[in-house]
N, C-alpha and C. Protein backbone atom coordinates (compact mmCIF):
# COMPACT_ATOMS: atom_id res chain seq x y z
N MET A 1 136.51 198.12 95.77
CA MET A 1 137.38 197.71 96.56
C MET A 1 137.33 196.47 97.45
N PRO A 2 138.09 195.30 97.61
CA PRO A 2 137.85 194.34 98.47
C PRO A 2 137.56 194.77 99.95
N LYS A 3 136.79 194.13 100.66
CA LYS A 3 136.90 194.22 102.17
C LYS A 3 137.67 192.96 102.62
N GLY A 4 138.39 193.83 103.91
CA GLY A 4 138.76 192.62 105.00
C GLY A 4 138.26 191.93 106.20
N PRO A 5 138.81 190.93 106.70
CA PRO A 5 137.79 190.28 107.79
C PRO A 5 136.98 191.58 108.72
N ARG A 6 137.56 192.60 109.03
CA ARG A 6 136.81 193.37 110.15
C ARG A 6 136.26 194.64 109.54
N GLY A 7 135.90 194.22 108.08
CA GLY A 7 135.21 195.39 107.36
C GLY A 7 136.29 196.79 106.66
N GLU A 8 137.46 196.40 106.92
CA GLU A 8 138.09 197.27 106.56
C GLU A 8 138.30 197.50 104.89
N ARG A 9 138.40 198.52 104.39
CA ARG A 9 138.58 198.76 102.68
C ARG A 9 139.95 198.75 102.27
N ARG A 10 140.49 197.59 101.46
CA ARG A 10 141.66 197.89 101.02
C ARG A 10 142.10 197.92 99.46
N PRO A 11 142.83 198.43 98.95
CA PRO A 11 143.06 198.27 97.47
C PRO A 11 143.38 196.74 96.89
N ALA A 12 142.88 196.47 96.11
CA ALA A 12 143.02 194.97 95.52
C ALA A 12 144.58 195.19 94.75
N ASP A 13 144.95 196.01 94.13
CA ASP A 13 146.39 195.98 93.55
C ASP A 13 147.65 196.37 94.41
N LEU A 14 148.42 195.70 93.91
CA LEU A 14 149.73 195.86 95.03
C LEU A 14 150.45 197.10 95.46
N VAL A 15 150.46 197.86 94.30
CA VAL A 15 151.04 199.20 94.53
C VAL A 15 150.08 200.11 95.54
N GLY A 16 148.84 199.90 95.19
CA GLY A 16 147.92 200.88 95.66
C GLY A 16 147.80 200.33 97.11
N ALA A 17 147.76 199.11 97.38
CA ALA A 17 147.99 198.60 98.86
C ALA A 17 149.23 199.03 99.78
N ALA A 18 150.50 198.84 98.90
CA ALA A 18 151.39 199.45 99.49
C ALA A 18 151.57 200.75 99.91
N VAL A 19 150.93 201.78 98.93
CA VAL A 19 150.81 203.33 99.22
C VAL A 19 149.97 203.50 100.54
N MET A 20 148.85 202.43 100.52
CA MET A 20 148.01 202.83 101.89
C MET A 20 148.43 202.43 103.03
N VAL A 21 149.36 201.23 103.01
CA VAL A 21 149.86 200.94 104.23
C VAL A 21 151.00 201.95 104.56
N GLY A 22 151.86 202.77 103.69
CA GLY A 22 152.38 203.37 104.13
C GLY A 22 151.97 204.95 104.43
N ARG A 23 150.66 205.24 104.33
CA ARG A 23 149.71 206.36 104.47
C ARG A 23 149.42 206.08 105.78
N LEU A 24 149.17 204.58 106.31
CA LEU A 24 148.55 204.63 107.62
C LEU A 24 149.75 204.52 108.74
N SER A 25 151.04 203.93 108.08
CA SER A 25 152.03 203.88 109.20
C SER A 25 152.54 205.42 109.22
N VAL A 26 151.91 206.31 108.46
CA VAL A 26 152.76 207.71 108.96
C VAL A 26 151.59 208.50 109.62
N GLY A 27 150.49 207.67 109.59
CA GLY A 27 149.45 208.66 110.10
C GLY A 27 148.71 209.40 109.33
N LEU A 28 148.91 209.64 108.18
CA LEU A 28 147.96 210.29 107.14
C LEU A 28 146.44 209.71 106.77
N GLU A 29 146.66 208.77 106.99
CA GLU A 29 145.02 208.24 106.84
C GLU A 29 144.62 207.01 107.90
N THR A 30 143.54 206.90 108.32
CA THR A 30 143.18 205.98 109.29
C THR A 30 142.07 204.86 108.83
N GLU A 31 142.02 203.66 109.48
CA GLU A 31 141.10 202.74 109.08
C GLU A 31 139.97 202.65 109.75
N ASN A 32 138.70 202.65 109.56
CA ASN A 32 137.52 202.91 110.06
C ASN A 32 137.15 201.17 110.04
N THR A 33 137.17 200.20 111.17
CA THR A 33 136.74 199.28 111.53
C THR A 33 135.45 198.88 111.93
N LYS A 34 134.71 198.03 111.84
CA LYS A 34 133.25 197.99 112.36
C LYS A 34 133.60 197.50 113.95
N GLN A 35 132.86 198.01 114.69
CA GLN A 35 132.84 197.63 115.99
C GLN A 35 132.04 196.39 116.35
N PRO A 36 132.26 195.49 117.30
CA PRO A 36 131.50 194.21 117.49
C PRO A 36 130.26 194.57 117.42
N SER A 37 129.19 193.54 117.22
CA SER A 37 127.83 194.01 117.40
C SER A 37 127.31 193.45 118.93
N GLY A 38 126.19 194.03 119.13
CA GLY A 38 125.53 193.76 120.56
C GLY A 38 125.77 192.46 120.60
N ARG A 39 125.39 191.43 119.60
CA ARG A 39 125.39 190.10 119.93
C ARG A 39 126.77 189.31 120.36
N VAL A 40 127.93 189.82 119.52
CA VAL A 40 129.30 189.39 120.28
C VAL A 40 129.56 189.98 121.62
N ARG A 41 129.27 191.19 121.72
CA ARG A 41 129.63 191.68 122.98
C ARG A 41 128.71 190.93 124.18
N SER A 42 127.57 190.65 123.95
CA SER A 42 126.91 190.02 124.93
C SER A 42 127.08 188.61 125.22
N GLY A 43 127.75 187.80 124.03
CA GLY A 43 127.98 186.48 124.09
C GLY A 43 129.27 186.33 124.78
N HIS A 44 130.35 187.67 124.46
CA HIS A 44 131.62 187.70 125.40
C HIS A 44 131.28 187.88 127.09
N ALA A 45 130.44 188.64 127.19
CA ALA A 45 130.04 188.88 128.73
C ALA A 45 129.33 187.71 129.34
N GLY A 46 128.46 186.96 128.76
CA GLY A 46 127.95 185.82 129.08
C GLY A 46 129.03 184.75 129.38
N ALA A 47 129.72 184.68 128.64
CA ALA A 47 130.79 183.49 128.82
C ALA A 47 131.91 183.61 129.87
N LYS A 48 131.93 184.89 130.21
CA LYS A 48 132.87 185.27 131.31
C LYS A 48 132.06 185.06 132.35
N ALA A 49 130.75 185.56 132.37
CA ALA A 49 129.91 185.30 133.83
C ALA A 49 129.87 183.76 134.08
N ARG A 50 129.39 183.15 133.26
CA ARG A 50 129.43 181.59 133.19
C ARG A 50 130.42 181.23 133.89
N ALA A 51 131.66 181.24 133.31
CA ALA A 51 133.16 180.77 133.67
C ALA A 51 133.00 181.14 135.23
N GLU A 52 132.78 182.35 135.40
CA GLU A 52 133.19 182.81 137.01
C GLU A 52 132.03 182.12 137.97
N ASN A 53 131.08 181.68 137.51
CA ASN A 53 130.06 180.84 138.47
C ASN A 53 130.30 179.53 138.35
N MET A 54 131.06 178.69 137.53
CA MET A 54 131.10 177.46 137.71
C MET A 54 132.78 177.18 138.51
N SER A 55 132.64 176.02 138.99
CA SER A 55 133.85 175.33 139.94
C SER A 55 135.00 175.29 138.65
N LYS A 56 136.15 174.80 139.52
CA LYS A 56 136.98 174.19 138.52
C LYS A 56 136.68 172.93 137.87
N GLU A 57 136.14 172.28 138.68
CA GLU A 57 135.98 170.78 138.06
C GLU A 57 134.67 171.08 137.03
N GLU A 58 133.74 171.77 137.21
CA GLU A 58 132.63 171.93 136.10
C GLU A 58 133.56 172.68 134.80
N ARG A 59 134.39 173.75 134.82
CA ARG A 59 134.85 173.80 133.83
C ARG A 59 135.52 173.09 133.04
N SER A 60 136.61 171.89 133.79
CA SER A 60 137.28 171.13 133.14
C SER A 60 136.37 169.97 132.32
N ALA A 61 135.19 169.72 132.99
CA ALA A 61 134.28 168.86 132.59
C ALA A 61 133.80 169.44 130.77
N VAL A 62 133.50 170.76 131.00
CA VAL A 62 133.02 171.42 130.05
C VAL A 62 133.90 171.42 128.77
N ALA A 63 135.35 171.52 129.18
CA ALA A 63 136.43 171.78 128.30
C ALA A 63 136.59 170.23 127.40
N LYS A 64 136.60 169.40 128.62
CA LYS A 64 136.72 167.68 128.07
C LYS A 64 135.54 167.45 127.07
N LYS A 65 134.27 168.05 127.29
CA LYS A 65 133.19 167.80 126.40
C LYS A 65 133.40 168.43 124.98
N ALA A 66 133.65 169.59 125.25
CA ALA A 66 134.10 170.25 124.14
C ALA A 66 135.15 169.99 123.10
N ALA A 67 136.27 169.10 123.82
CA ALA A 67 137.37 168.53 123.10
C ALA A 67 136.89 167.23 122.36
N ALA A 68 136.01 166.48 123.18
CA ALA A 68 135.61 165.28 122.45
C ALA A 68 134.87 165.76 121.00
N ALA A 69 134.15 166.68 121.41
CA ALA A 69 133.22 167.07 120.26
C ALA A 69 133.92 167.48 118.72
N ARG A 70 135.29 168.36 119.17
CA ARG A 70 135.91 168.62 118.31
C ARG A 70 136.77 167.90 117.47
N TRP A 71 137.39 166.64 118.42
CA TRP A 71 138.44 165.95 117.94
C TRP A 71 137.68 164.61 117.79
N GLY A 72 136.48 164.36 118.24
CA GLY A 72 135.95 163.04 118.60
C GLY A 72 135.54 162.23 117.42
């Protein structure tokens, strides 16, 4: 079975996928997806803490620098 982006296991064939979607919608089956790792959770928490400690001008400067690097 192929794996989706969050680790869900889905049937590869069209009929099997349709049956699984139907079973999921009725509640006969549940998907077990992976929980985010500790690195991901701590990264989100660190980014939130950093944003709270920065002034509006500092956040704007960081955003402009990121946009320049992305589109530069």
